[in-house]
Amino acid sequence: MAFYTVLTPPLATGGRGEEIEQARLIPESFSWGAFLLTGLWLLGRRLWLMTLLFVLVGAGLIYLRSRFGLHPSALSLIYWSIALFLGVEGNNLIVRKLLRKGWRLADVVEARSLPEAERRYFERALAGEAAPPRSGPATPAAMVRPSGPLPIIGLFPEARGR
């Protein structure tokens, strides 16, 4: 079973139904396209900053090869390491990009395939079920010290609260 992250667009004008209809489901799995076609995949997903970084790293590797005689197998190892990273984290980069644009995390769905995940999300969303509550960032409560004498455990029991 795979997990799919469900993101809804920022403030859809058509109401809740329009928001549900425009939701994007992104799989939380290895991306073979990102692994095998790194630069083209980045361009196709409009990840401009990552594409620029990929091109700069590639140019840096070419410079290292011409300037210092870096071995071709080292270049290949570096390239496939970057490709492996993009294969593992590629879909998370898409999620982060959409979250920066104002999309909201609506749900996480477990399903065998994308059509099944869409069906499960639509059934849940149209039935009015709320996604499991997410806890917000915890704010540290003010430390409350008891006013009475405290039993001291340790090396200095005679401290008496000092």
C-alpha atoms as a PDB file:
ATOM      1  CA  MET A   1       0.000   0.000   0.000  1.00  0.00           C
ATOM      2  CA  ALA A   2       1.176   3.472  -0.828  1.00  0.00           C
ATOM      3  CA  PHE A   3       0.421   6.761   0.852  1.00  0.00           C
ATOM      4  CA  TYR A   4      -0.774   9.811  -1.073  1.00  0.00           C
ATOM      5  CA  THR A   5      -0.556  13.372   0.190  1.00  0.00           C
ATOM      6  CA  VAL A   6      -3.687  15.369  -0.646  1.00  0.00           C
ATOM      7  CA  LEU A   7      -3.242  19.114  -1.154  1.00  0.00           C
ATOM      8  CA  THR A   8      -6.052  21.573  -1.809  1.00  0.00           C
ATOM      9  CA  PRO A   9      -5.605  24.910  -3.617  1.00  0.00           C
ATOM     10  CA  PRO A  10      -5.519  28.217  -1.770  1.00  0.00           C
ATOM     11  CA  LEU A  11      -8.966  29.745  -1.240  1.00  0.00           C
ATOM     12  CA  ALA A  12     -10.989  28.344  -4.117  1.00  0.00           C
ATOM     13  CA  THR A  13     -13.780  30.758  -5.080  1.00  0.00           C
ATOM     14  CA  GLY A  14     -16.211  27.960  -5.960  1.00  0.00           C
ATOM     15  CA  GLY A  15     -16.549  26.743  -2.373  1.00  0.00           C
ATOM     16  CA  ARG A  16     -15.833  23.396  -0.788  1.00  0.00           C
ATOM     17  CA  GLY A  17     -16.884  21.338  -3.841  1.00  0.00           C
ATOM     18  CA  GLU A  18     -14.540  23.241  -6.144  1.00  0.00           C
ATOM     19  CA  GLU A  19     -11.723  22.880  -3.621  1.00  0.00           C
ATOM     20  CA  ILE A  20     -12.221  19.115  -3.413  1.00  0.00           C
ATOM     21  CA  GLU A  21     -12.361  18.828  -7.196  1.00  0.00           C
ATOM     22  CA  GLN A  22      -9.048  20.681  -7.673  1.00  0.00           C
ATOM     23  CA  ALA A  23      -7.186  18.677  -5.022  1.00  0.00           C
ATOM     24  CA  ARG A  24      -3.847  17.159  -6.013  1.00  0.00           C
ATOM     25  CA  LEU A  25      -2.775  13.738  -4.818  1.00  0.00           C
ATOM     26  CA  ILE A  26       0.970  13.238  -4.735  1.00  0.00           C
ATOM     27  CA  PRO A  27       2.372   9.774  -4.007  1.00  0.00           C
ATOM     28  CA  GLU A  28       4.847   9.346  -1.192  1.00  0.00           C
ATOM     29  CA  SER A  29       6.997   6.893  -3.097  1.00  0.00           C
ATOM     30  CA  PHE A  30      10.152   6.610  -5.160  1.00  0.00           C
ATOM     31  CA  SER A  31       9.976   8.663  -8.357  1.00  0.00           C
ATOM     32  CA  TRP A  32      11.482   6.712 -11.250  1.00  0.00           C
ATOM     33  CA  GLY A  33      11.114   9.689 -13.582  1.00  0.00           C
ATOM     34  CA  ALA A  34      13.191  11.857 -11.262  1.00  0.00           C
ATOM     35  CA  PHE A  35      15.789   9.100 -10.948  1.00  0.00           C
ATOM     36  CA  LEU A  36      16.189   8.377 -14.650  1.00  0.00           C
ATOM     37  CA  LEU A  37      15.471  11.777 -16.260  1.00  0.00           C
ATOM     38  CA  THR A  38      16.661  14.159 -13.556  1.00  0.00           C
ATOM     39  CA  GLY A  39      16.926  17.481 -15.392  1.00  0.00           C
ATOM     40  CA  LEU A  40      13.913  16.912 -17.628  1.00  0.00           C
ATOM     41  CA  TRP A  41      11.814  15.776 -14.668  1.00  0.00           C
ATOM     42  CA  LEU A  42      12.732  18.918 -12.717  1.00  0.00           C
ATOM     43  CA  LEU A  43      11.794  21.112 -15.679  1.00  0.00           C
ATOM     44  CA  GLY A  44       8.559  19.219 -16.254  1.00  0.00           C
ATOM     45  CA  ARG A  45       7.517  19.716 -12.626  1.00  0.00           C
ATOM     46  CA  ARG A  46       8.491  23.412 -12.777  1.00  0.00           C
ATOM     47  CA  LEU A  47      10.965  23.148  -9.934  1.00  0.00           C
ATOM     48  CA  TRP A  48      13.006  26.072 -11.214  1.00  0.00           C
ATOM     49  CA  LEU A  49      15.320  26.498  -8.229  1.00  0.00           C
ATOM     50  CA  MET A  50      16.214  22.815  -8.136  1.00  0.00           C
ATOM     51  CA  THR A  51      16.751  22.845 -11.909  1.00  0.00           C
ATOM     52  CA  LEU A  52      19.118  25.809 -11.550  1.00  0.00           C
ATOM     53  CA  LEU A  53      20.947  24.054  -8.715  1.00  0.00           C
ATOM     54  CA  PHE A  54      21.189  20.862 -10.800  1.00  0.00           C
ATOM     55  CA  VAL A  55      22.658  22.801 -13.742  1.00  0.00           C
ATOM     56  CA  LEU A  56      25.143  24.624 -11.483  1.00  0.00           C
ATOM     57  CA  VAL A  57      26.300  21.354  -9.914  1.00  0.00           C
ATOM     58  CA  GLY A  58      26.673  19.854 -13.394  1.00  0.00           C
ATOM     59  CA  ALA A  59      28.701  22.857 -14.556  1.00  0.00           C
ATOM     60  CA  GLY A  60      30.837  22.583 -11.410  1.00  0.00           C
ATOM     61  CA  LEU A  61      31.512  18.931 -12.136  1.00  0.00           C
ATOM     62  CA  ILE A  62      32.529  19.722 -15.711  1.00  0.00           C
ATOM     63  CA  TYR A  63      34.850  22.429 -14.382  1.00  0.00           C
ATOM     64  CA  LEU A  64      36.381  19.997 -11.863  1.00  0.00           C
ATOM     65  CA  ARG A  65      36.942  17.444 -14.609  1.00  0.00           C
ATOM     66  CA  SER A  66      38.648  19.912 -16.946  1.00  0.00           C
ATOM     67  CA  ARG A  67      40.641  21.740 -14.260  1.00  0.00           C
ATOM     68  CA  PHE A  68      41.709  18.919 -11.955  1.00  0.00           C
ATOM     69  CA  GLY A  69      41.233  15.824 -14.119  1.00  0.00           C
ATOM     70  CA  LEU A  70      38.439  14.308 -12.044  1.00  0.00           C
ATOM     71  CA  HIS A  71      37.959  10.688 -13.064  1.00  0.00           C
ATOM     72  CA  PRO A  72      34.818   9.895 -15.123  1.00  0.00           C
ATOM     73  CA  SER A  73      33.739   7.207 -12.672  1.00  0.00           C
ATOM     74  CA  ALA A  74      33.757   9.815  -9.877  1.00  0.00           C
ATOM     75  CA  LEU A  75      31.562  12.073 -12.030  1.00  0.00           C
ATOM     76  CA  SER A  76      29.229   9.168 -12.678  1.00  0.00           C
ATOM     77  CA  LEU A  77      29.042   8.347  -8.971  1.00  0.00           C
ATOM     78  CA  ILE A  78      28.204  11.966  -8.124  1.00  0.00           C
ATOM     79  CA  TYR A  79      25.557  12.159 -10.860  1.00  0.00           C
ATOM     80  CA  TRP A  80      23.837   8.931  -9.793  1.00  0.00           C
ATOM     81  CA  SER A  81      23.939  10.038  -6.152  1.00  0.00           C
ATOM     82  CA  ILE A  82      22.086  13.213  -7.120  1.00  0.00           C
ATOM     83  CA  ALA A  83      19.661  11.146  -9.221  1.00  0.00           C
ATOM     84  CA  LEU A  84      19.040   8.799  -6.278  1.00  0.00           C
ATOM     85  CA  PHE A  85      18.367  11.769  -3.994  1.00  0.00           C
ATOM     86  CA  LEU A  86      15.868  13.180  -6.483  1.00  0.00           C
ATOM     87  CA  GLY A  87      14.222   9.785  -6.852  1.00  0.00           C
ATOM     88  CA  VAL A  88      13.707   9.535  -3.111  1.00  0.00           C
ATOM     89  CA  GLU A  89      12.855  13.177  -2.377  1.00  0.00           C
ATOM     90  CA  GLY A  90      11.379  14.330  -5.695  1.00  0.00           C
ATOM     91  CA  ASN A  91       7.729  14.089  -4.712  1.00  0.00           C
ATOM     92  CA  ASN A  92       8.468  15.824  -1.397  1.00  0.00           C
ATOM     93  CA  LEU A  93       9.979  18.718  -3.342  1.00  0.00           C
ATOM     94  CA  ILE A  94       6.683  19.066  -5.223  1.00  0.00           C
ATOM     95  CA  VAL A  95       4.722  19.026  -1.960  1.00  0.00           C
ATOM     96  CA  ARG A  96       6.961  21.696  -0.432  1.00  0.00           C
ATOM     97  CA  LYS A  97       6.633  23.870  -3.535  1.00  0.00           C
ATOM     98  CA  LEU A  98       2.844  23.703  -3.392  1.00  0.00           C
ATOM     99  CA  LEU A  99       2.798  24.420   0.346  1.00  0.00           C
ATOM    100  CA  ARG A 100       4.931  27.542  -0.241  1.00  0.00           C
ATOM    101  CA  LYS A 101       2.385  28.670  -2.851  1.00  0.00           C
ATOM    102  CA  GLY A 102      -0.401  28.508  -0.281  1.00  0.00           C
ATOM    103  CA  TRP A 103      -1.848  25.049  -0.917  1.00  0.00           C
ATOM    104  CA  ARG A 104      -3.107  23.334   2.223  1.00  0.00           C
ATOM    105  CA  LEU A 105      -2.533  19.786   3.403  1.00  0.00           C
ATOM    106  CA  ALA A 106      -6.025  18.282   3.365  1.00  0.00           C
ATOM    107  CA  ASP A 107      -5.433  14.611   4.049  1.00  0.00           C
ATOM    108  CA  VAL A 108      -3.133  11.629   3.708  1.00  0.00           C
ATOM    109  CA  VAL A 109      -4.720   8.623   1.999  1.00  0.00           C
ATOM    110  CA  GLU A 110      -3.535   5.022   1.929  1.00  0.00           C
ATOM    111  CA  ALA A 111      -4.367   3.124  -1.264  1.00  0.00           C
ATOM    112  CA  ARG A 112      -2.969   0.664  -3.808  1.00  0.00           C
ATOM    113  CA  SER A 113      -3.235   3.022  -6.793  1.00  0.00           C
ATOM    114  CA  LEU A 114      -3.951   6.645  -7.647  1.00  0.00           C
ATOM    115  CA  PRO A 115      -7.580   6.027  -8.760  1.00  0.00           C
ATOM    116  CA  GLU A 116      -8.283   4.191  -5.510  1.00  0.00           C
ATOM    117  CA  ALA A 117      -6.667   7.009  -3.502  1.00  0.00           C
ATOM    118  CA  GLU A 118      -8.782   9.592  -5.335  1.00  0.00           C
ATOM    119  CA  ARG A 119     -11.936   7.576  -4.683  1.00  0.00           C
ATOM    120  CA  ARG A 120     -11.128   7.244  -0.968  1.00  0.00           C
ATOM    121  CA  TYR A 121     -10.355  10.944  -0.609  1.00  0.00           C
ATOM    122  CA  PHE A 122     -13.486  12.049  -2.474  1.00  0.00           C
ATOM    123  CA  GLU A 123     -15.672   9.704  -0.437  1.00  0.00           C
ATOM    124  CA  ARG A 124     -14.174  11.004   2.797  1.00  0.00           C
ATOM    125  CA  ALA A 125     -14.281  14.666   1.780  1.00  0.00           C
ATOM    126  CA  LEU A 126     -17.809  14.588   0.360  1.00  0.00           C
ATOM    127  CA  ALA A 127     -19.121  12.694   3.386  1.00  0.00           C
ATOM    128  CA  GLY A 128     -17.922  15.590   5.507  1.00  0.00           C
ATOM    129  CA  GLU A 129     -15.419  13.569   7.477  1.00  0.00           C
ATOM    130  CA  ALA A 130     -12.693  15.722   8.816  1.00  0.00           C
ATOM    131  CA  ALA A 131      -9.141  14.616   8.383  1.00  0.00           C
ATOM    132  CA  PRO A 132      -7.542  13.347  11.578  1.00  0.00           C
ATOM    133  CA  PRO A 133      -6.783  16.353  13.764  1.00  0.00           C
ATOM    134  CA  ARG A 134      -3.233  17.592  13.568  1.00  0.00           C
ATOM    135  CA  SER A 135      -1.696  19.015  16.663  1.00  0.00           C
ATOM    136  CA  GLY A 136      -0.273  22.468  16.238  1.00  0.00           C
ATOM    137  CA  PRO A 137       3.133  23.509  17.441  1.00  0.00           C
ATOM    138  CA  ALA A 138       3.337  22.992  21.151  1.00  0.00           C
ATOM    139  CA  THR A 139       3.877  26.140  23.173  1.00  0.00           C
ATOM    140  CA  PRO A 140       5.901  25.571  26.296  1.00  0.00           C
ATOM    141  CA  ALA A 141       3.812  26.210  29.369  1.00  0.00           C
ATOM    142  CA  ALA A 142       5.227  28.394  32.083  1.00  0.00           C
ATOM    143  CA  MET A 143       7.078  26.335  34.617  1.00  0.00           C
ATOM    144  CA  VAL A 144       5.137  26.184  37.856  1.00  0.00           C
ATOM    145  CA  ARG A 145       7.180  25.548  40.958  1.00  0.00           C
ATOM    146  CA  PRO A 146       5.484  24.074  43.963  1.00  0.00           C
ATOM    147  CA  SER A 147       5.609  26.401  46.930  1.00  0.00           C
ATOM    148  CA  GLY A 148       6.278  23.754  49.584  1.00  0.00           C
ATOM    149  CA  PRO A 149       9.492  21.959  50.441  1.00  0.00           C
ATOM    150  CA  LEU A 150      10.735  19.622  47.768  1.00  0.00           C
ATOM    151  CA  PRO A 151      12.299  16.276  48.469  1.00  0.00           C
ATOM    152  CA  ILE A 152      15.769  16.369  47.036  1.00  0.00           C
ATOM    153  CA  ILE A 153      17.177  13.320  45.354  1.00  0.00           C
ATOM    154  CA  GLY A 154      20.870  13.430  44.746  1.00  0.00           C
ATOM    155  CA  LEU A 155      24.132  14.306  46.431  1.00  0.00           C
ATOM    156  CA  PHE A 156      23.090  17.424  48.346  1.00  0.00           C
ATOM    157  CA  PRO A 157      19.959  16.757  50.414  1.00  0.00           C
ATOM    158  CA  GLU A 158      20.806  19.533  52.864  1.00  0.00           C
ATOM    159  CA  ALA A 159      20.272  22.269  50.229  1.00  0.00           C
ATOM    160  CA  ARG A 160      16.672  22.872  51.419  1.00  0.00           C
ATOM    161  CA  GLY A 161      15.479  24.587  48.228  1.00  0.00           C
ATOM    162  CA  ARG A 162      18.399  26.958  47.702  1.00  0.00           C
END
